[in-house]
Protein backbone atom coordinates (compact mmCIF):
# COMPACT_ATOMS: atom_id res chain seq x y z
CA UNK A 1 -79.73 -24.32 -58.20
CA UNK A 2 -79.46 -20.92 -56.51
CA UNK A 3 -81.95 -18.20 -57.38
CA UNK A 4 -79.43 -15.48 -56.52
CA UNK A 5 -78.77 -12.93 -59.26
CA UNK A 6 -75.28 -11.63 -60.07
CA UNK A 7 -76.25 -8.43 -58.22
CA UNK A 8 -77.24 -10.47 -55.16
CA UNK A 9 -73.93 -12.28 -55.24
CA UNK A 10 -72.02 -9.01 -55.58
CA UNK A 11 -73.99 -7.60 -52.65
CA UNK A 12 -73.22 -10.61 -50.46
CA UNK A 13 -69.52 -10.43 -51.34
CA UNK A 14 -69.42 -6.68 -50.64
CA UNK A 15 -71.08 -7.11 -47.26
CA UNK A 16 -68.67 -9.91 -46.36
CA UNK A 17 -65.69 -7.73 -47.31
CA UNK A 18 -67.07 -4.90 -45.19
CA UNK A 19 -67.47 -7.21 -42.20
CA UNK A 20 -63.86 -8.27 -42.65
CA UNK A 21 -62.85 -4.57 -42.86
CA UNK A 22 -61.48 -5.12 -46.36
CA UNK A 23 -62.57 -1.64 -47.31
CA UNK A 24 -60.94 -1.40 -50.75
CA UNK A 25 -62.56 -4.67 -51.84
CA UNK A 26 -65.94 -3.66 -50.40
CA UNK A 27 -65.78 -0.25 -52.09
CA UNK A 28 -65.07 -1.76 -55.53
CA UNK A 29 -67.95 -4.19 -55.17
CA UNK A 30 -70.40 -1.52 -54.00
CA UNK A 31 -69.31 0.73 -56.90
CA UNK A 32 -70.18 -2.13 -59.23
CA UNK A 33 -73.65 -2.33 -57.65
CA UNK A 34 -74.14 1.40 -58.28
CA UNK A 35 -74.08 0.65 -62.01
CA UNK A 36 -76.88 -1.93 -61.96
CA UNK A 37 -80.40 -2.54 -60.68
CA UNK A 38 -79.34 -2.30 -57.00
CA UNK A 39 -77.93 1.21 -57.27
CA UNK A 40 -79.51 2.31 -53.97
CA UNK A 41 -77.90 -0.59 -52.12
CA UNK A 42 -74.61 0.27 -53.79
CA UNK A 43 -74.63 3.87 -52.59
CA UNK A 44 -75.78 2.77 -49.14
CA UNK A 45 -72.90 0.30 -49.01
CA UNK A 46 -70.40 2.95 -50.10
CA UNK A 47 -71.73 5.12 -47.29
CA UNK A 48 -71.12 2.32 -44.81
CA UNK A 49 -67.56 1.89 -46.08
CA UNK A 50 -66.89 5.62 -45.71
CA UNK A 51 -68.42 5.72 -42.23
CA UNK A 52 -66.33 2.75 -41.13
CA UNK A 53 -63.27 4.79 -42.11
CA UNK A 54 -64.55 7.89 -40.26
CA UNK A 55 -65.12 9.76 -43.54
CA UNK A 56 -68.59 10.97 -42.62
CA UNK A 57 -68.75 13.71 -45.26
CA UNK A 58 -68.50 11.10 -48.00
CA UNK A 59 -70.86 8.84 -46.06
CA UNK A 60 -73.52 11.57 -45.98
CA UNK A 61 -73.22 12.09 -49.74
CA UNK A 62 -73.61 8.37 -50.43
CA UNK A 63 -76.51 7.90 -48.01
CA UNK A 64 -78.30 10.89 -49.55
CA UNK A 65 -77.94 9.32 -52.99
CA UNK A 66 -79.37 6.07 -51.64
CA UNK A 67 -82.32 7.97 -50.12
CA UNK A 68 -82.98 9.78 -53.41
CA UNK A 69 -83.23 6.43 -55.15
CA UNK A 70 -85.33 4.75 -52.42
CA UNK A 71 -86.94 7.50 -50.40
CA UNK A 72 -89.10 5.09 -48.39
CA UNK A 73 -86.24 2.91 -47.10
CA UNK A 74 -86.00 3.51 -43.31
CA UNK A 75 -82.53 2.00 -43.04
CA UNK A 76 -81.09 4.43 -45.56
CA UNK A 77 -82.71 7.35 -43.74
CA UNK A 78 -81.39 6.09 -40.41
CA UNK A 79 -77.80 5.80 -41.62
CA UNK A 80 -78.00 9.31 -43.08
CA UNK A 81 -79.11 10.65 -39.68
CA UNK A 82 -76.32 8.85 -37.85
CA UNK A 83 -73.71 10.27 -40.23
CA UNK A 84 -75.13 13.77 -39.75
CA UNK A 85 -74.84 13.39 -35.98
CA UNK A 86 -71.21 12.33 -36.43
CA UNK A 87 -70.47 15.60 -38.28
CA UNK A 88 -72.28 17.74 -35.72
CA UNK A 89 -75.29 18.43 -37.93
CA UNK A 90 -77.77 17.67 -35.16
CA UNK A 91 -80.51 20.02 -36.34
CA UNK A 92 -80.46 18.45 -39.81
CA UNK A 93 -80.53 14.94 -38.32
CA UNK A 94 -83.78 15.48 -36.40
CA UNK A 95 -86.13 15.47 -39.43
CA UNK A 96 -84.20 12.57 -40.94
CA UNK A 97 -84.79 10.43 -37.86
CA UNK A 98 -88.39 11.63 -37.72
CA UNK A 99 -88.87 10.38 -41.27
CA UNK A 100 -87.18 7.09 -40.35
CA UNK A 101 -89.64 6.36 -37.56
CA UNK A 102 -92.57 7.46 -39.69
CA UNK A 103 -91.52 4.80 -42.20
CA UNK A 104 -90.87 2.19 -39.49
CA UNK A 105 -92.55 3.04 -36.16
CA UNK A 106 -90.91 0.04 -34.45
CA UNK A 107 -87.33 1.09 -35.32
CA UNK A 108 -85.98 1.33 -31.76
CA UNK A 109 -82.46 2.64 -32.52
CA UNK A 110 -83.95 5.37 -34.72
CA UNK A 111 -86.22 6.48 -31.88
CA UNK A 112 -83.21 6.47 -29.54
CA UNK A 113 -81.13 8.63 -31.88
CA UNK A 114 -84.10 10.92 -32.42
CA UNK A 115 -84.35 11.34 -28.64
CA UNK A 116 -80.64 12.14 -28.36
CA UNK A 117 -80.84 14.65 -31.21
CA UNK A 118 -83.90 16.35 -29.76
CA UNK A 119 -82.17 16.53 -26.38
CA UNK A 120 -79.14 18.24 -27.91
CA UNK A 121 -81.39 20.81 -29.57
CA UNK A 122 -83.18 21.58 -26.30
CA UNK A 123 -86.46 19.83 -27.10
CA UNK A 124 -86.51 17.92 -23.83
CA UNK A 125 -90.14 16.83 -23.61
CA UNK A 126 -90.05 15.57 -27.19
CA UNK A 127 -86.75 13.82 -26.40
CA UNK A 128 -88.36 11.96 -23.50
CA UNK A 129 -91.23 10.93 -25.75
CA UNK A 130 -88.76 9.54 -28.30
CA UNK A 131 -86.77 7.70 -25.64
CA UNK A 132 -89.98 6.12 -24.33
CA UNK A 133 -90.79 4.89 -27.84
CA UNK A 134 -87.20 3.64 -28.18
CA UNK A 135 -87.55 1.51 -25.04
CA UNK A 136 -90.84 -0.08 -26.07
CA UNK A 137 -91.63 -3.02 -28.30
CA UNK A 138 -89.73 -6.11 -29.39
CA UNK A 139 -87.10 -3.99 -31.14
CA UNK A 140 -86.71 -1.60 -28.24
CA UNK A 141 -83.45 -0.14 -26.93
CA UNK A 142 -83.21 -0.81 -23.21
CA UNK A 143 -80.61 1.92 -22.73
CA UNK A 144 -83.30 4.48 -23.57
CA UNK A 145 -84.70 4.04 -20.06
CA UNK A 146 -81.44 5.30 -18.59
CA UNK A 147 -81.26 8.09 -21.17
CA UNK A 148 -84.50 9.43 -19.70
CA UNK A 149 -82.99 9.33 -16.20
CA UNK A 150 -79.89 11.20 -17.38
CA UNK A 151 -81.97 13.81 -19.17
CA UNK A 152 -84.17 14.46 -16.16
CA UNK A 153 -81.24 14.63 -13.78
CA UNK A 154 -79.47 17.05 -16.11
CA UNK A 155 -82.61 19.21 -16.12
CA UNK A 156 -82.59 19.10 -12.28
CA UNK A 157 -85.91 17.23 -12.28
CA UNK A 158 -84.55 14.97 -9.55
CA UNK A 159 -87.82 13.53 -8.27
CA UNK A 160 -88.83 12.51 -11.80
CA UNK A 161 -85.35 11.05 -12.37
CA UNK A 162 -85.67 8.94 -9.22
CA UNK A 163 -89.06 7.67 -10.38
CA UNK A 164 -87.70 6.70 -13.79
CA UNK A 165 -84.62 5.05 -12.28
CA UNK A 166 -86.79 3.02 -9.91
CA UNK A 167 -88.88 1.94 -12.88
CA UNK A 168 -85.71 0.81 -14.67
CA UNK A 169 -84.69 -1.27 -11.65
CA UNK A 170 -88.16 -2.78 -11.46
CA UNK A 171 -87.98 -3.52 -15.19
CA UNK A 172 -84.79 -5.55 -14.63
CA UNK A 173 -83.50 -6.10 -11.14
CA UNK A 174 -80.14 -7.43 -12.30
CA UNK A 175 -79.29 -4.32 -14.34
CA UNK A 176 -76.23 -2.76 -12.66
CA UNK A 177 -76.35 0.42 -14.72
CA UNK A 178 -79.93 1.04 -13.57
CA UNK A 179 -78.92 0.64 -9.91
CA UNK A 180 -76.00 3.04 -10.49
CA UNK A 181 -78.32 5.61 -12.07
CA UNK A 182 -80.75 5.29 -9.19
CA UNK A 183 -77.86 5.96 -6.84
CA UNK A 184 -76.90 9.13 -8.72
CA UNK A 185 -80.49 10.34 -8.71
CA UNK A 186 -80.90 9.74 -4.98
CA UNK A 187 -77.61 11.51 -4.31
CA UNK A 188 -79.13 14.51 -6.09
CA UNK A 189 -81.66 14.63 -3.23
CA UNK A 190 -78.86 14.17 -0.66
CA UNK A 191 -80.25 10.73 0.24
CA UNK A 192 -76.71 9.42 0.48
CA UNK A 193 -77.35 6.32 2.57
CA UNK A 194 -79.88 4.95 0.08
CA UNK A 195 -77.63 5.98 -2.80
CA UNK A 196 -74.77 4.03 -1.22
CA UNK A 197 -76.99 0.95 -1.00
CA UNK A 198 -77.81 1.29 -4.70
CA UNK A 199 -74.15 1.59 -5.71
CA UNK A 200 -73.26 -1.38 -3.54
CA UNK A 201 -75.98 -3.39 -5.31
CA UNK A 202 -74.60 -2.28 -8.69
CA UNK A 203 -71.14 -3.43 -7.64
CA UNK A 204 -72.47 -6.80 -6.49
CA UNK A 205 -73.78 -7.27 -10.02
CA UNK A 206 -70.76 -5.74 -11.78
CA UNK A 207 -67.65 -5.47 -9.55
CA UNK A 208 -65.69 -3.76 -12.34
CA UNK A 209 -68.13 -0.82 -12.57
CA UNK A 210 -65.53 1.77 -11.60
CA UNK A 211 -67.86 4.77 -12.00
CA UNK A 212 -70.25 3.37 -9.39
CA UNK A 213 -67.40 2.67 -6.96
CA UNK A 214 -66.06 6.19 -7.51
CA UNK A 215 -69.42 7.75 -6.65
CA UNK A 216 -69.64 5.41 -3.67
CA UNK A 217 -66.35 6.88 -2.46
CA UNK A 218 -67.67 10.43 -2.85
CA UNK A 219 -70.81 9.66 -0.83
CA UNK A 220 -68.83 7.93 1.91
CA UNK A 221 -66.48 10.91 2.17
CA UNK A 222 -69.43 13.32 2.34
CA UNK A 223 -70.75 11.32 5.29
CA UNK A 224 -67.36 11.50 7.01
CA UNK A 225 -66.62 7.81 6.50
CA UNK A 226 -63.16 8.58 5.20
CA UNK A 227 -61.56 5.15 5.73
CA UNK A 228 -64.27 3.49 3.65
CA UNK A 229 -64.02 6.22 1.02
CA UNK A 230 -60.27 5.64 0.82
CA UNK A 231 -60.83 1.91 0.22
CA UNK A 232 -63.27 2.70 -2.59
CA UNK A 233 -60.90 5.14 -4.28
CA UNK A 234 -57.89 2.84 -3.90
CA UNK A 235 -59.85 -0.03 -5.45
CA UNK A 236 -60.66 2.11 -8.49
CA UNK A 237 -57.10 3.44 -8.84
CA UNK A 238 -55.63 -0.07 -8.61
CA UNK A 239 -58.01 -1.49 -11.22
CA UNK A 240 -58.15 1.55 -13.52
CA UNK A 241 -55.08 3.81 -13.19
CA UNK A 242 -56.47 5.97 -15.98
CA UNK A 243 -59.45 6.94 -13.78
CA UNK A 244 -57.96 10.32 -12.95
CA UNK A 245 -60.77 11.60 -10.73
CA UNK A 246 -60.44 8.66 -8.37
CA UNK A 247 -56.72 9.38 -8.00
CA UNK A 248 -57.42 13.09 -7.43
CA UNK A 249 -60.03 12.39 -4.76
CA UNK A 250 -57.80 9.85 -3.05
CA UNK A 251 -55.00 12.43 -3.03
CA UNK A 252 -57.41 14.91 -1.44
CA UNK A 253 -58.16 12.49 1.39
CA UNK A 254 -54.46 11.86 1.91
CA UNK A 255 -53.75 15.59 2.05
CA UNK A 256 -56.36 15.97 4.80
CA UNK A 257 -54.41 13.38 6.79
CA UNK A 258 -51.07 15.03 6.09
CA UNK A 259 -49.86 12.14 3.94
CA UNK A 260 -48.38 14.51 1.38
CA UNK A 261 -45.78 12.24 -0.19
CA UNK A 262 -48.29 9.68 -1.47
CA UNK A 263 -50.68 12.43 -2.49
CA UNK A 264 -47.89 14.00 -4.54
CA UNK A 265 -47.12 10.72 -6.27
CA UNK A 266 -50.77 10.22 -7.20
CA UNK A 267 -51.26 13.75 -8.48
CA UNK A 268 -48.04 13.89 -10.49
CA UNK A 269 -49.00 10.63 -12.19
CA UNK A 270 -52.57 11.83 -12.81
CA UNK A 271 -51.31 15.13 -14.24
CA UNK A 272 -49.71 13.20 -17.11
CA UNK A 273 -53.12 12.08 -18.34
CA UNK A 274 -54.74 14.60 -20.70
CA UNK A 275 -58.44 15.30 -20.56
CA UNK A 276 -61.06 17.50 -18.91
CA UNK A 277 -60.22 16.06 -15.49
CA UNK A 278 -56.84 17.80 -15.62
CA UNK A 279 -58.38 20.90 -14.05
CA UNK A 280 -59.26 18.97 -10.87
CA UNK A 281 -55.81 17.42 -10.76
CA UNK A 282 -54.17 20.84 -11.08
CA UNK A 283 -56.36 22.27 -8.33
CA UNK A 284 -55.37 19.47 -5.98
CA UNK A 285 -51.74 19.77 -7.04
CA UNK A 286 -51.81 23.50 -6.36
CA UNK A 287 -53.28 22.88 -2.90
CA UNK A 288 -50.59 20.28 -2.23
CA UNK A 289 -47.80 22.66 -3.24
CA UNK A 290 -49.15 25.34 -0.92
CA UNK A 291 -49.24 22.84 1.95
CA UNK A 292 -45.67 21.85 1.12
CA UNK A 293 -44.59 25.46 1.41
CA UNK A 294 -44.07 25.73 -2.34
CA UNK A 295 -46.39 28.66 -2.96
CA UNK A 296 -44.89 29.65 -6.33
CA UNK A 297 -45.36 26.11 -7.68
CA UNK A 298 -48.90 26.10 -6.32
CA UNK A 299 -49.66 29.38 -8.05
CA UNK A 300 -48.40 27.98 -11.37
CA UNK A 301 -50.70 24.99 -11.02
CA UNK A 302 -53.68 27.23 -10.22
CA UNK A 303 -52.89 29.53 -13.17
CA UNK A 304 -52.79 26.59 -15.54
CA UNK A 305 -56.10 25.38 -14.16
CA UNK A 306 -57.53 28.88 -14.71
CA UNK A 307 -56.37 28.86 -18.33
CA UNK A 308 -58.18 25.55 -18.89
CA UNK A 309 -61.36 26.61 -17.04
CA UNK A 310 -61.53 30.42 -17.08
CA UNK A 311 -65.09 30.52 -15.67
CA UNK A 312 -64.29 28.25 -12.73
CA UNK A 313 -63.72 30.28 -9.53
CA UNK A 314 -61.64 27.61 -7.81
CA UNK A 315 -58.32 28.48 -9.50
CA UNK A 316 -58.71 32.10 -8.35
CA UNK A 317 -59.40 30.94 -4.80
CA UNK A 318 -56.28 28.82 -4.97
CA UNK A 319 -54.21 31.70 -6.35
CA UNK A 320 -55.23 33.88 -3.41
CA UNK A 321 -54.02 31.19 -1.00
CA UNK A 322 -50.79 30.71 -2.97
CA UNK A 323 -50.09 34.45 -2.99
CA UNK A 324 -50.71 34.66 0.75
CA UNK A 325 -48.28 31.76 1.23
CA UNK A 326 -45.67 33.80 -0.67
CA UNK A 327 -46.31 36.92 1.46
CA UNK A 328 -47.75 38.73 -1.56
CA UNK A 329 -50.74 40.02 0.35
CA UNK A 330 -51.45 43.06 -1.83
CA UNK A 331 -51.67 40.88 -4.93
CA UNK A 332 -53.85 38.44 -3.00
CA UNK A 333 -56.32 41.23 -2.23
CA UNK A 334 -56.36 42.27 -5.90
CA UNK A 335 -57.03 38.67 -6.98
CA UNK A 336 -59.79 38.35 -4.37
CA UNK A 337 -61.34 41.58 -5.66
CA UNK A 338 -61.27 40.18 -9.19
CA UNK A 339 -63.05 37.06 -7.93
CA UNK A 340 -65.68 39.19 -6.23
CA UNK A 341 -66.40 40.98 -9.51
CA UNK A 342 -66.69 37.59 -11.21
CA UNK A 343 -69.01 36.18 -8.50
CA UNK A 344 -70.62 39.12 -6.71
CA UNK A 345 -73.39 37.10 -5.11
CA UNK A 346 -71.47 34.04 -3.98
CA UNK A 347 -70.23 33.52 -0.41
CA UNK A 348 -66.93 32.07 -1.56
CA UNK A 349 -65.82 35.43 -2.98
CA UNK A 350 -66.54 37.15 0.32
CA UNK A 351 -64.75 34.43 2.28
CA UNK A 352 -61.78 34.69 -0.03
CA UNK A 353 -61.64 38.47 0.32
CA UNK A 354 -61.75 38.20 4.12
CA UNK A 355 -58.80 35.78 4.08
CA UNK A 356 -56.82 38.14 1.83
CA UNK A 357 -57.58 41.20 3.98
CA UNK A 358 -56.63 39.30 7.13
CA UNK A 359 -53.31 38.26 5.59
CA UNK A 360 -52.69 41.87 4.59
CA UNK A 361 -52.98 42.93 8.24
CA UNK A 362 -56.41 44.50 7.82
CA UNK A 363 -58.14 42.53 10.55
CA UNK A 364 -60.99 45.00 11.10
CA UNK A 365 -61.83 45.10 7.38
CA UNK A 366 -61.64 41.30 7.24
CA UNK A 367 -63.95 40.94 10.26
CA UNK A 368 -66.48 43.31 8.67
CA UNK A 369 -66.28 41.41 5.35
CA UNK A 370 -66.90 37.98 6.86
CA UNK A 371 -69.56 39.48 9.14
CA UNK A 372 -71.49 40.69 6.07
CA UNK A 373 -71.03 37.24 4.54
CA UNK A 374 -72.61 35.61 7.62
CA UNK A 375 -75.52 38.08 7.57
CA UNK A 376 -76.14 37.49 3.87
CA UNK A 377 -75.46 33.79 3.44
CA UNK A 378 -75.86 32.32 6.90
CA UNK A 379 -73.74 30.89 9.65
CA UNK A 380 -71.13 28.14 9.40
CA UNK A 381 -68.24 26.90 11.50
CA UNK A 382 -65.55 27.94 8.95
CA UNK A 383 -66.98 31.49 8.71
CA UNK A 384 -67.10 31.87 12.49
CA UNK A 385 -63.56 30.48 12.79
CA UNK A 386 -62.34 33.00 10.20
CA UNK A 387 -64.03 35.85 12.08
CA UNK A 388 -62.38 34.57 15.25
CA UNK A 389 -58.98 34.80 13.62
CA UNK A 390 -59.78 38.34 12.54
CA UNK A 391 -60.45 39.39 16.15
CA UNK A 392 -57.43 37.43 17.30
CA UNK A 393 -55.23 39.40 14.89
CA UNK A 394 -56.62 42.64 16.40
CA UNK A 395 -55.77 41.50 19.93
CA UNK A 396 -59.44 41.14 20.90
CA UNK A 397 -59.15 37.75 22.61
CA UNK A 398 -62.62 37.88 24.13
CA UNK A 399 -64.39 38.37 20.80
CA UNK A 400 -62.12 35.78 19.22
CA UNK A 401 -63.00 33.27 21.95
CA UNK A 402 -66.71 33.94 21.43
CA UNK A 403 -66.41 33.31 17.67
CA UNK A 404 -64.47 30.06 18.12
CA UNK A 405 -67.01 28.85 20.68
CA UNK A 406 -69.87 29.75 18.35
CA UNK A 407 -68.16 27.76 15.57
CA UNK A 408 -67.93 24.72 17.84
CA UNK A 409 -71.63 24.91 18.68
CA UNK A 410 -72.25 24.61 14.93
CA UNK A 411 -69.72 21.81 14.41
CA UNK A 412 -68.23 20.30 17.52
CA UNK A 413 -65.56 18.50 15.49
CA UNK A 414 -64.28 21.61 13.63
CA UNK A 415 -60.56 21.28 14.32
CA UNK A 416 -59.46 24.81 13.25
CA UNK A 417 -61.92 26.29 15.76
CA UNK A 418 -60.64 23.96 18.50
CA UNK A 419 -57.10 25.12 17.73
CA UNK A 420 -58.18 28.77 17.75
CA UNK A 421 -59.89 28.38 21.11
CA UNK A 422 -56.78 26.72 22.53
CA UNK A 423 -54.64 29.64 21.31
CA UNK A 424 -56.74 32.40 22.87
CA UNK A 425 -57.10 30.50 26.14
CA UNK A 426 -53.36 29.76 26.44
């Protein structure tokens, strides 16, 4: 004979219905439990039913009732905290999770959620402590190790992030996510070659890890290994067409090579996918339109990007270029001035202003502007090439030649400077 009580049988049936996603049946059975000796389990179950249907307000109410009936039940407290997180009540969730782990110090998922909640509320050191507890013990959450890496990298504590990522790899050498995180951390120190080796190891373990292959492509491009970067991006795009950033970066490489038709196809397709990456797609699309001689279309793309990311300076930079392409030099200078007010201490605003002044026929003003930029922010081949064009526009071929030559001593492969030197020596 079974020792199960009617309440036990009702509980088992309700849990089975919930597993089968038969929510109406589960709700009726849990309601029945709320009227008997297992009232706390009944309210907890009703909370689970509500949460499964994304009704977290009702879930919170039911979990709170369960906690009132059995205040020392860590599972009830945990579910209440999770539901609070789902409704954005992060501050309220922190003490709930803290109570959960005080009731059950080995409750790994509760420690993990406590770490995430503390991180969101800016309590970073306490978050790390919680994540460490989450990763420990027989009921630990392995992912907490990588949460620590992410937190440290987000706080720009790159050396500490590298140390934690190495520890994660040593903990489990066949963990592709750990290798990928180590790669990201090393890239934060500009150790791109070692980062590439880490991403390649991650991909050996998990060939379908598109994020790792995407970052591999970025690193390869930064090192000038454009053919290999293209292969990486194309592999991601072929396997995951929804990976918009890979398509955008591939289009950028193609634009550099003058392969505008394929770049256009990629960007137009990517632009149909909504999401935060749309800004990058629009920036690339605007650049493409300018290169195609379609300045007005480029400007529209940049303006849309600006509306989506009003604090991002890149749309303004693009608009200046698009206006110059349309022979609207006065408006380009006004837009460059607006950018300089937005970013008064950034070299890009000075560079942009110099380009606008040069286009407006104010070569001397442009040369002075980019000269101040060099004095303030340092030398670079593009800045010297721009100053060379300023002198060239003024008819000062000797000064222009000197600037182009100086640019090539900084970067012998800088093609615009080579072209400028060829022009003034013709």
